[in-house]
Amino acid sequence: MPKVQPIETGGGRRARSRRVGSALNEINVVPLVDVMLVLLIIFMVTAPMMQRGIDVTLPESRRAREIDDQRLFVTVPLSFRTDRRVQVGRETVPFAMLAERVRQALRWRSDKEVYLQSDAGLRVQDLMDVMDRLKEAGVEKVGIVARFPGAR
């Protein structure tokens, strides 16, 4: 509600007239919006950096195609030779438990496909052992992930 303030006139006589003054009772939200936009930009820049998996040097293929939707990835790192561990999605699993974990991950899916990422330095026999376990888990198709020759 606007305030009514009296106005004095010169002369000794005091006349009352009504002058309406507007009081600033609103909260200034511009600084709040500026801070929120800066925080949003910071989170948008840092969020992709926080999602990181195992470093694997993928083999190259000229005919590789991009994977466009969400799939189940099984990653076999170079350390598989010594510790016999693989990664199912983002979870590190011992090789003995691989079939059970993949079976659980594919339980509610209609497509029984798994994409196998392996380090280029692994032996073919190690990959065959992993593929055998995947087939044992009920996987119908195993895709081997490769990178383009010029890609990082």
N, C-alpha and C. Protein backbone atom coordinates (compact mmCIF):
# COMPACT_ATOMS: atom_id res chain seq x y z
N MET A 1 0.85 -1.17 0.00
CA MET A 1 0.00 0.00 0.00
C MET A 1 0.90 1.23 0.00
N PRO A 2 0.66 2.23 -0.88
CA PRO A 2 1.48 3.43 -0.90
C PRO A 2 1.31 4.27 0.36
N LYS A 3 2.37 4.95 0.74
CA LYS A 3 2.33 5.81 1.92
C LYS A 3 1.81 7.19 1.53
N VAL A 4 1.10 7.81 2.42
CA VAL A 4 0.64 9.19 2.23
C VAL A 4 1.52 10.06 3.11
N GLN A 5 2.18 11.05 2.51
CA GLN A 5 3.08 11.91 3.26
C GLN A 5 2.59 13.35 3.20
N PRO A 6 2.66 14.07 4.31
CA PRO A 6 2.24 15.48 4.29
C PRO A 6 3.29 16.34 3.59
N ILE A 7 2.86 17.40 2.94
CA ILE A 7 3.76 18.34 2.27
C ILE A 7 3.64 19.69 2.98
N GLU A 8 4.78 20.25 3.28
CA GLU A 8 4.77 21.55 3.93
C GLU A 8 4.89 22.63 2.88
N THR A 9 4.21 23.71 3.10
CA THR A 9 4.32 24.86 2.21
C THR A 9 5.05 25.97 2.97
N GLY A 10 5.68 26.86 2.25
CA GLY A 10 6.42 27.92 2.91
C GLY A 10 5.47 28.93 3.55
N GLY A 11 5.56 29.59 4.38
CA GLY A 11 4.69 30.56 4.99
C GLY A 11 4.33 30.14 6.38
N GLY A 12 4.21 29.85 7.17
CA GLY A 12 3.90 29.42 8.48
C GLY A 12 2.69 28.52 8.52
N ARG A 13 2.00 28.62 7.47
CA ARG A 13 0.79 27.80 7.46
C ARG A 13 1.12 26.41 6.92
N ARG A 14 0.61 25.49 7.56
CA ARG A 14 0.90 24.11 7.16
C ARG A 14 -0.30 23.56 6.41
N ALA A 15 -0.07 23.29 5.17
CA ALA A 15 -1.16 22.73 4.37
C ALA A 15 -0.92 21.26 4.18
N ARG A 16 -1.96 20.57 4.25
CA ARG A 16 -1.83 19.13 4.07
C ARG A 16 -2.34 18.76 2.69
N SER A 17 -1.46 18.25 1.91
CA SER A 17 -1.91 17.69 0.65
C SER A 17 -1.38 16.27 0.58
N ARG A 18 -1.94 15.54 -0.27
CA ARG A 18 -1.55 14.13 -0.32
C ARG A 18 -0.57 13.90 -1.45
N ARG A 19 0.54 13.35 -1.10
CA ARG A 19 1.53 12.95 -2.09
C ARG A 19 1.79 11.46 -1.87
N VAL A 20 1.73 10.74 -2.92
CA VAL A 20 1.90 9.30 -2.81
C VAL A 20 3.35 8.95 -3.11
N GLY A 21 4.03 8.29 -2.20
CA GLY A 21 5.40 7.82 -2.41
C GLY A 21 5.41 6.31 -2.46
N SER A 22 6.19 5.75 -3.33
CA SER A 22 6.20 4.29 -3.43
C SER A 22 7.37 3.75 -2.62
N ALA A 23 7.10 2.86 -1.75
CA ALA A 23 8.14 2.24 -0.94
C ALA A 23 8.61 0.97 -1.64
N LEU A 24 9.90 0.72 -1.62
CA LEU A 24 10.44 -0.48 -2.26
C LEU A 24 10.40 -1.64 -1.28
N ASN A 25 9.36 -2.38 -1.34
CA ASN A 25 9.20 -3.53 -0.45
C ASN A 25 9.50 -4.84 -1.15
N GLU A 26 9.88 -4.80 -2.43
CA GLU A 26 10.15 -6.03 -3.16
C GLU A 26 11.59 -6.48 -2.92
N ILE A 27 11.81 -7.77 -3.00
CA ILE A 27 13.15 -8.33 -2.88
C ILE A 27 13.80 -8.30 -4.26
N ASN A 28 15.03 -7.87 -4.31
CA ASN A 28 15.77 -7.83 -5.57
C ASN A 28 16.30 -9.24 -5.86
N VAL A 29 15.76 -9.90 -6.87
CA VAL A 29 16.12 -11.28 -7.18
C VAL A 29 17.19 -11.39 -8.25
N VAL A 30 17.62 -10.28 -8.81
CA VAL A 30 18.61 -10.32 -9.88
C VAL A 30 19.93 -10.93 -9.41
N PRO A 31 20.48 -10.54 -8.25
CA PRO A 31 21.72 -11.19 -7.80
C PRO A 31 21.54 -12.68 -7.52
N LEU A 32 20.38 -13.06 -7.01
CA LEU A 32 20.11 -14.47 -6.76
C LEU A 32 20.10 -15.26 -8.07
N VAL A 33 19.47 -14.73 -9.09
CA VAL A 33 19.43 -15.40 -10.39
C VAL A 33 20.84 -15.49 -10.98
N ASP A 34 21.64 -14.42 -10.84
CA ASP A 34 23.02 -14.45 -11.34
C ASP A 34 23.84 -15.55 -10.67
N VAL A 35 23.72 -15.67 -9.37
CA VAL A 35 24.47 -16.70 -8.64
C VAL A 35 24.00 -18.09 -9.06
N MET A 36 22.71 -18.27 -9.21
CA MET A 36 22.18 -19.58 -9.59
C MET A 36 22.64 -19.97 -11.00
N LEU A 37 22.69 -19.02 -11.92
CA LEU A 37 23.16 -19.33 -13.27
C LEU A 37 24.64 -19.70 -13.27
N VAL A 38 25.43 -19.01 -12.46
CA VAL A 38 26.85 -19.36 -12.37
C VAL A 38 27.02 -20.76 -11.79
N LEU A 39 26.27 -21.10 -10.76
CA LEU A 39 26.34 -22.45 -10.18
C LEU A 39 25.90 -23.51 -11.19
N LEU A 40 24.86 -23.21 -11.96
CA LEU A 40 24.40 -24.15 -12.98
C LEU A 40 25.49 -24.41 -14.01
N ILE A 41 26.16 -23.36 -14.45
CA ILE A 41 27.23 -23.53 -15.43
C ILE A 41 28.38 -24.34 -14.84
N ILE A 42 28.72 -24.08 -13.59
CA ILE A 42 29.80 -24.85 -12.94
C ILE A 42 29.45 -26.33 -12.89
N PHE A 43 28.22 -26.67 -12.50
CA PHE A 43 27.83 -28.07 -12.43
C PHE A 43 27.75 -28.72 -13.81
N MET A 44 27.34 -27.96 -14.81
CA MET A 44 27.28 -28.52 -16.17
C MET A 44 28.67 -28.83 -16.70
N VAL A 45 29.65 -28.04 -16.31
CA VAL A 45 31.02 -28.27 -16.78
C VAL A 45 31.68 -29.40 -16.02
N THR A 46 31.45 -29.48 -14.71
CA THR A 46 32.16 -30.48 -13.90
C THR A 46 31.49 -31.86 -13.89
N ALA A 47 30.21 -31.96 -14.18
CA ALA A 47 29.52 -33.26 -14.11
C ALA A 47 30.10 -34.30 -15.06
N PRO A 48 30.41 -33.99 -16.32
CA PRO A 48 30.99 -35.03 -17.18
C PRO A 48 32.38 -35.47 -16.73
N MET A 49 33.10 -34.61 -16.03
CA MET A 49 34.44 -34.98 -15.57
C MET A 49 34.40 -35.95 -14.40
N MET A 50 33.28 -36.01 -13.70
CA MET A 50 33.18 -36.86 -12.52
C MET A 50 32.86 -38.30 -12.88
N GLN A 51 32.35 -38.56 -14.06
CA GLN A 51 32.00 -39.91 -14.49
C GLN A 51 33.19 -40.50 -15.23
N ARG A 52 33.88 -41.38 -14.58
CA ARG A 52 35.08 -41.94 -15.18
C ARG A 52 35.14 -43.42 -14.85
N GLY A 53 35.55 -44.23 -15.81
CA GLY A 53 35.66 -45.67 -15.60
C GLY A 53 37.11 -46.10 -15.65
N ILE A 54 37.31 -47.33 -16.08
CA ILE A 54 38.65 -47.88 -16.21
C ILE A 54 39.25 -47.44 -17.54
N ASP A 55 40.54 -47.11 -17.54
CA ASP A 55 41.22 -46.76 -18.79
C ASP A 55 41.54 -48.03 -19.55
N VAL A 56 41.02 -48.14 -20.75
CA VAL A 56 41.24 -49.30 -21.60
C VAL A 56 41.65 -48.79 -22.97
N THR A 57 42.71 -49.34 -23.54
CA THR A 57 43.12 -49.01 -24.89
C THR A 57 42.39 -49.94 -25.84
N LEU A 58 41.38 -49.41 -26.54
CA LEU A 58 40.56 -50.24 -27.41
C LEU A 58 41.31 -50.54 -28.71
N PRO A 59 41.08 -51.73 -29.28
CA PRO A 59 41.65 -52.03 -30.59
C PRO A 59 40.95 -51.20 -31.67
N GLU A 60 41.59 -51.02 -32.80
CA GLU A 60 41.04 -50.21 -33.87
C GLU A 60 40.29 -51.05 -34.90
N SER A 61 39.26 -50.45 -35.50
CA SER A 61 38.52 -51.09 -36.57
C SER A 61 37.99 -50.01 -37.49
N ARG A 62 38.21 -50.16 -38.79
CA ARG A 62 37.73 -49.17 -39.75
C ARG A 62 36.23 -49.26 -39.96
N ARG A 63 35.64 -50.39 -39.65
CA ARG A 63 34.22 -50.58 -39.90
C ARG A 63 33.39 -50.53 -38.62
N ALA A 64 33.95 -50.01 -37.55
CA ALA A 64 33.20 -49.92 -36.29
C ALA A 64 32.09 -48.90 -36.43
N ARG A 65 30.98 -49.13 -35.74
CA ARG A 65 29.88 -48.17 -35.78
C ARG A 65 29.60 -47.69 -34.36
N GLU A 66 28.99 -46.52 -34.28
CA GLU A 66 28.70 -45.92 -32.99
C GLU A 66 27.55 -46.68 -32.32
N ILE A 67 27.61 -46.76 -30.99
CA ILE A 67 26.54 -47.37 -30.21
C ILE A 67 25.64 -46.24 -29.74
N ASP A 68 24.34 -46.31 -30.07
CA ASP A 68 23.49 -45.16 -29.87
C ASP A 68 22.59 -45.22 -28.65
N ASP A 69 22.34 -46.34 -28.03
CA ASP A 69 21.49 -46.35 -26.85
C ASP A 69 22.17 -47.09 -25.69
N GLN A 70 21.47 -47.17 -24.58
CA GLN A 70 22.03 -47.72 -23.36
C GLN A 70 22.18 -49.24 -23.47
N ARG A 71 23.39 -49.72 -23.34
CA ARG A 71 23.69 -51.15 -23.42
C ARG A 71 24.47 -51.58 -22.20
N LEU A 72 24.59 -52.87 -22.04
CA LEU A 72 25.39 -53.43 -20.95
C LEU A 72 26.81 -53.65 -21.46
N PHE A 73 27.76 -52.99 -20.82
CA PHE A 73 29.16 -53.11 -21.21
C PHE A 73 29.89 -53.98 -20.20
N VAL A 74 30.70 -54.89 -20.70
CA VAL A 74 31.61 -55.67 -19.87
C VAL A 74 33.01 -55.25 -20.31
N THR A 75 33.79 -54.71 -19.37
CA THR A 75 35.12 -54.20 -19.66
C THR A 75 36.16 -55.14 -19.08
N VAL A 76 37.10 -55.54 -19.93
CA VAL A 76 38.19 -56.42 -19.51
C VAL A 76 39.48 -55.61 -19.59
N PRO A 77 40.01 -55.17 -18.43
CA PRO A 77 41.24 -54.36 -18.46
C PRO A 77 42.48 -55.23 -18.64
N LEU A 78 43.59 -54.58 -18.86
CA LEU A 78 44.86 -55.30 -19.02
C LEU A 78 45.26 -56.03 -17.75
N SER A 79 44.79 -55.53 -16.60
CA SER A 79 45.10 -56.18 -15.33
C SER A 79 44.34 -57.50 -15.13
N PHE A 80 43.51 -57.88 -16.09
CA PHE A 80 42.75 -59.14 -16.00
C PHE A 80 43.69 -60.34 -15.89
N ARG A 81 44.85 -60.26 -16.50
CA ARG A 81 45.81 -61.37 -16.45
C ARG A 81 46.22 -61.70 -15.03
N THR A 82 46.36 -60.68 -14.20
CA THR A 82 46.87 -60.90 -12.84
C THR A 82 45.76 -61.04 -11.81
N ASP A 83 44.76 -60.16 -11.84
CA ASP A 83 43.76 -60.19 -10.77
C ASP A 83 42.45 -60.87 -11.15
N ARG A 84 42.26 -61.23 -12.43
CA ARG A 84 41.06 -61.94 -12.91
C ARG A 84 39.78 -61.20 -12.51
N ARG A 85 39.76 -59.89 -12.74
CA ARG A 85 38.57 -59.07 -12.45
C ARG A 85 38.14 -58.36 -13.73
N VAL A 86 36.82 -58.27 -13.91
CA VAL A 86 36.24 -57.54 -15.03
C VAL A 86 35.26 -56.52 -14.46
N GLN A 87 34.80 -55.63 -15.31
CA GLN A 87 33.85 -54.63 -14.87
C GLN A 87 32.56 -54.80 -15.65
N VAL A 88 31.46 -55.00 -14.93
CA VAL A 88 30.12 -55.12 -15.53
C VAL A 88 29.41 -53.80 -15.28
N GLY A 89 29.22 -53.02 -16.33
CA GLY A 89 28.69 -51.67 -16.15
C GLY A 89 29.72 -50.84 -15.42
N ARG A 90 29.42 -50.45 -14.20
CA ARG A 90 30.37 -49.69 -13.37
C ARG A 90 30.86 -50.50 -12.17
N GLU A 91 30.47 -51.75 -12.08
CA GLU A 91 30.80 -52.59 -10.93
C GLU A 91 31.94 -53.55 -11.28
N THR A 92 32.95 -53.58 -10.43
CA THR A 92 34.06 -54.51 -10.62
C THR A 92 33.67 -55.86 -10.03
N VAL A 93 33.85 -56.92 -10.82
CA VAL A 93 33.37 -58.25 -10.45
C VAL A 93 34.50 -59.26 -10.64
N PRO A 94 34.66 -60.20 -9.72
CA PRO A 94 35.61 -61.30 -9.96
C PRO A 94 35.12 -62.16 -11.13
N PHE A 95 36.08 -62.75 -11.84
CA PHE A 95 35.74 -63.54 -13.02
C PHE A 95 34.80 -64.70 -12.68
N ALA A 96 34.94 -65.27 -11.50
CA ALA A 96 34.08 -66.40 -11.11
C ALA A 96 32.62 -65.98 -10.96
N MET A 97 32.37 -64.71 -10.65
CA MET A 97 31.01 -64.22 -10.45
C MET A 97 30.43 -63.54 -11.71
N LEU A 98 31.17 -63.54 -12.80
CA LEU A 98 30.76 -62.81 -14.00
C LEU A 98 29.42 -63.31 -14.55
N ALA A 99 29.25 -64.61 -14.66
CA ALA A 99 28.02 -65.17 -15.24
C ALA A 99 26.80 -64.78 -14.41
N GLU A 100 26.91 -64.84 -13.11
CA GLU A 100 25.78 -64.50 -12.24
C GLU A 100 25.43 -63.02 -12.32
N ARG A 101 26.44 -62.15 -12.32
CA ARG A 101 26.18 -60.71 -12.39
C ARG A 101 25.54 -60.33 -13.73
N VAL A 102 26.01 -60.91 -14.82
CA VAL A 102 25.44 -60.61 -16.13
C VAL A 102 24.01 -61.16 -16.21
N ARG A 103 23.78 -62.32 -15.67
CA ARG A 103 22.43 -62.90 -15.65
C ARG A 103 21.48 -61.97 -14.89
N GLN A 104 21.93 -61.42 -13.76
CA GLN A 104 21.09 -60.48 -13.00
C GLN A 104 20.85 -59.19 -13.78
N ALA A 105 21.86 -58.70 -14.47
CA ALA A 105 21.72 -57.45 -15.22
C ALA A 105 20.78 -57.60 -16.41
N LEU A 106 20.75 -58.78 -17.01
CA LEU A 106 19.91 -59.00 -18.20
C LEU A 106 18.55 -59.59 -17.88
N ARG A 107 18.25 -59.79 -16.63
CA ARG A 107 17.03 -60.48 -16.24
C ARG A 107 15.78 -59.83 -16.81
N TRP A 108 15.65 -58.51 -16.77
CA TRP A 108 14.43 -57.83 -17.20
C TRP A 108 14.54 -57.25 -18.59
N ARG A 109 15.59 -57.53 -19.29
CA ARG A 109 15.77 -56.99 -20.64
C ARG A 109 15.29 -57.98 -21.68
N SER A 110 14.74 -57.44 -22.75
CA SER A 110 14.30 -58.32 -23.84
C SER A 110 15.47 -58.68 -24.75
N ASP A 111 16.42 -57.74 -24.91
CA ASP A 111 17.59 -58.05 -25.73
C ASP A 111 18.71 -58.57 -24.84
N LYS A 112 19.20 -59.71 -25.16
CA LYS A 112 20.27 -60.35 -24.38
C LYS A 112 21.61 -60.07 -25.04
N GLU A 113 21.92 -58.76 -25.18
CA GLU A 113 23.16 -58.34 -25.84
C GLU A 113 24.11 -57.73 -24.82
N VAL A 114 25.38 -58.00 -25.01
CA VAL A 114 26.43 -57.43 -24.17
C VAL A 114 27.53 -56.91 -25.09
N TYR A 115 28.06 -55.74 -24.75
CA TYR A 115 29.18 -55.18 -25.49
C TYR A 115 30.45 -55.39 -24.68
N LEU A 116 31.42 -56.01 -25.31
CA LEU A 116 32.66 -56.38 -24.64
C LEU A 116 33.75 -55.38 -25.02
N GLN A 117 34.28 -54.69 -24.02
CA GLN A 117 35.40 -53.77 -24.20
C GLN A 117 36.62 -54.44 -23.59
N SER A 118 37.67 -54.53 -24.35
CA SER A 118 38.87 -55.14 -23.80
C SER A 118 40.09 -54.32 -24.20
N ASP A 119 41.13 -54.46 -23.43
CA ASP A 119 42.37 -53.78 -23.74
C ASP A 119 43.01 -54.49 -24.93
N ALA A 120 43.66 -53.72 -25.79
CA ALA A 120 44.27 -54.29 -26.99
C ALA A 120 45.44 -55.21 -26.65
N GLY A 121 45.99 -55.10 -25.46
CA GLY A 121 47.12 -55.92 -25.06
C GLY A 121 46.75 -57.29 -24.51
N LEU A 122 45.47 -57.60 -24.40
CA LEU A 122 45.07 -58.91 -23.87
C LEU A 122 45.23 -60.02 -24.90
N ARG A 123 45.39 -61.22 -24.40
CA ARG A 123 45.46 -62.38 -25.29
C ARG A 123 44.06 -62.77 -25.75
N VAL A 124 43.98 -63.42 -26.86
CA VAL A 124 42.70 -63.86 -27.40
C VAL A 124 42.07 -64.90 -26.48
N GLN A 125 42.88 -65.72 -25.85
CA GLN A 125 42.35 -66.74 -24.94
C GLN A 125 41.62 -66.11 -23.75
N ASP A 126 42.14 -64.98 -23.25
CA ASP A 126 41.46 -64.29 -22.15
C ASP A 126 40.08 -63.82 -22.60
N LEU A 127 39.99 -63.28 -23.82
CA LEU A 127 38.69 -62.84 -24.33
C LEU A 127 37.74 -64.01 -24.55
N MET A 128 38.28 -65.13 -25.01
CA MET A 128 37.43 -66.31 -25.21
C MET A 128 36.89 -66.83 -23.89
N ASP A 129 37.70 -66.77 -22.83
CA ASP A 129 37.22 -67.18 -21.50
C ASP A 129 36.07 -66.29 -21.04
N VAL A 130 36.20 -64.99 -21.26
CA VAL A 130 35.13 -64.05 -20.87
C VAL A 130 33.89 -64.30 -21.72
N MET A 131 34.06 -64.51 -23.02
CA MET A 131 32.91 -64.78 -23.90
C MET A 131 32.20 -66.07 -23.50
N ASP A 132 32.95 -67.09 -23.12
CA ASP A 132 32.33 -68.34 -22.67
C ASP A 132 31.46 -68.11 -21.44
N ARG A 133 31.97 -67.30 -20.50
CA ARG A 133 31.18 -66.99 -19.30
C ARG A 133 29.93 -66.19 -19.66
N LEU A 134 30.05 -65.29 -20.63
CA LEU A 134 28.89 -64.52 -21.04
C LEU A 134 27.83 -65.41 -21.68
N LYS A 135 28.25 -66.35 -22.51
CA LYS A 135 27.30 -67.29 -23.12
C LYS A 135 26.67 -68.18 -22.06
N GLU A 136 27.45 -68.53 -21.06
CA GLU A 136 26.94 -69.33 -19.94
C GLU A 136 25.86 -68.56 -19.18
N ALA A 137 25.95 -67.24 -19.16
CA ALA A 137 24.98 -66.40 -18.46
C ALA A 137 23.71 -66.17 -19.28
N GLY A 138 23.66 -66.66 -20.50
CA GLY A 138 22.46 -66.51 -21.32
C GLY A 138 22.52 -65.38 -22.32
N VAL A 139 23.70 -64.84 -22.55
CA VAL A 139 23.86 -63.76 -23.52
C VAL A 139 23.74 -64.34 -24.92
N GLU A 140 22.88 -63.74 -25.75
CA GLU A 140 22.69 -64.24 -27.11
C GLU A 140 23.67 -63.61 -28.10
N LYS A 141 23.98 -62.31 -27.89
CA LYS A 141 24.88 -61.62 -28.80
C LYS A 141 25.96 -60.91 -28.00
N VAL A 142 27.21 -61.05 -28.44
CA VAL A 142 28.33 -60.35 -27.83
C VAL A 142 28.95 -59.46 -28.90
N GLY A 143 28.93 -58.17 -28.65
CA GLY A 143 29.55 -57.22 -29.56
C GLY A 143 30.89 -56.79 -29.00
N ILE A 144 31.89 -56.73 -29.85
CA ILE A 144 33.21 -56.30 -29.41
C ILE A 144 33.37 -54.84 -29.80
N VAL A 145 33.66 -54.00 -28.81
CA VAL A 145 33.77 -52.56 -29.01
C VAL A 145 35.17 -52.24 -29.53
N ALA A 146 35.23 -51.44 -30.58
CA ALA A 146 36.49 -50.99 -31.15
C ALA A 146 36.42 -49.48 -31.33
N ARG A 147 37.55 -48.85 -31.59
CA ARG A 147 37.55 -47.42 -31.82
C ARG A 147 37.98 -47.16 -33.27
N PHE A 148 37.65 -45.98 -33.75
CA PHE A 148 38.06 -45.58 -35.08
C PHE A 148 39.56 -45.34 -35.10
N PRO A 149 40.26 -45.53 -36.24
CA PRO A 149 41.71 -45.38 -36.27
C PRO A 149 42.23 -44.03 -35.79
N GLY A 150 41.56 -42.94 -35.99
CA GLY A 150 42.07 -41.64 -35.56
C GLY A 150 41.53 -41.20 -34.22
N ALA A 151 40.59 -41.95 -33.62
CA ALA A 151 39.94 -41.52 -32.38
C ALA A 151 40.83 -41.79 -31.18
N ARG A 152 40.58 -41.01 -30.13
CA ARG A 152 41.33 -41.18 -28.89
C ARG A 152 40.72 -42.26 -28.06
